[in-house]
Amino acid sequence: MLTVVPVLVDAPFNVITGQIIGAAIEVHRILGPGLLESAYMPCLQFELAAGKLRFVADRPFRLCTKGWSSTRTIDSICSWRIWWSSK
């Protein structure tokens, strides 16, 4: 019988993503479900800052491909490695 053992890649961003997810869970635990993004984001930013994670919010970035380009906004970037859109 073949046993498959999941392996977590030991990457530097795993620690950071764990801290981000922990902060998001903490905010959700306190505020509860069903609120608008505009309620959660300031609280998440507070939690990230309290955890000493560097981040920027609402940062524009440029998409370019095959002669087409557009500017979009990233909700948050943390430690210049991880970005996400909160919905």
Foldseek 3Di string as FASTA:
>chain_A
DDDDDDDDDPDPCVVVVVQLVVLQVVLCVVPPDDDDPVVSVVSSVVSCVVVVWDKDAFQWDWDDDDHDIDIDTFGMDTPNPDTHDDD
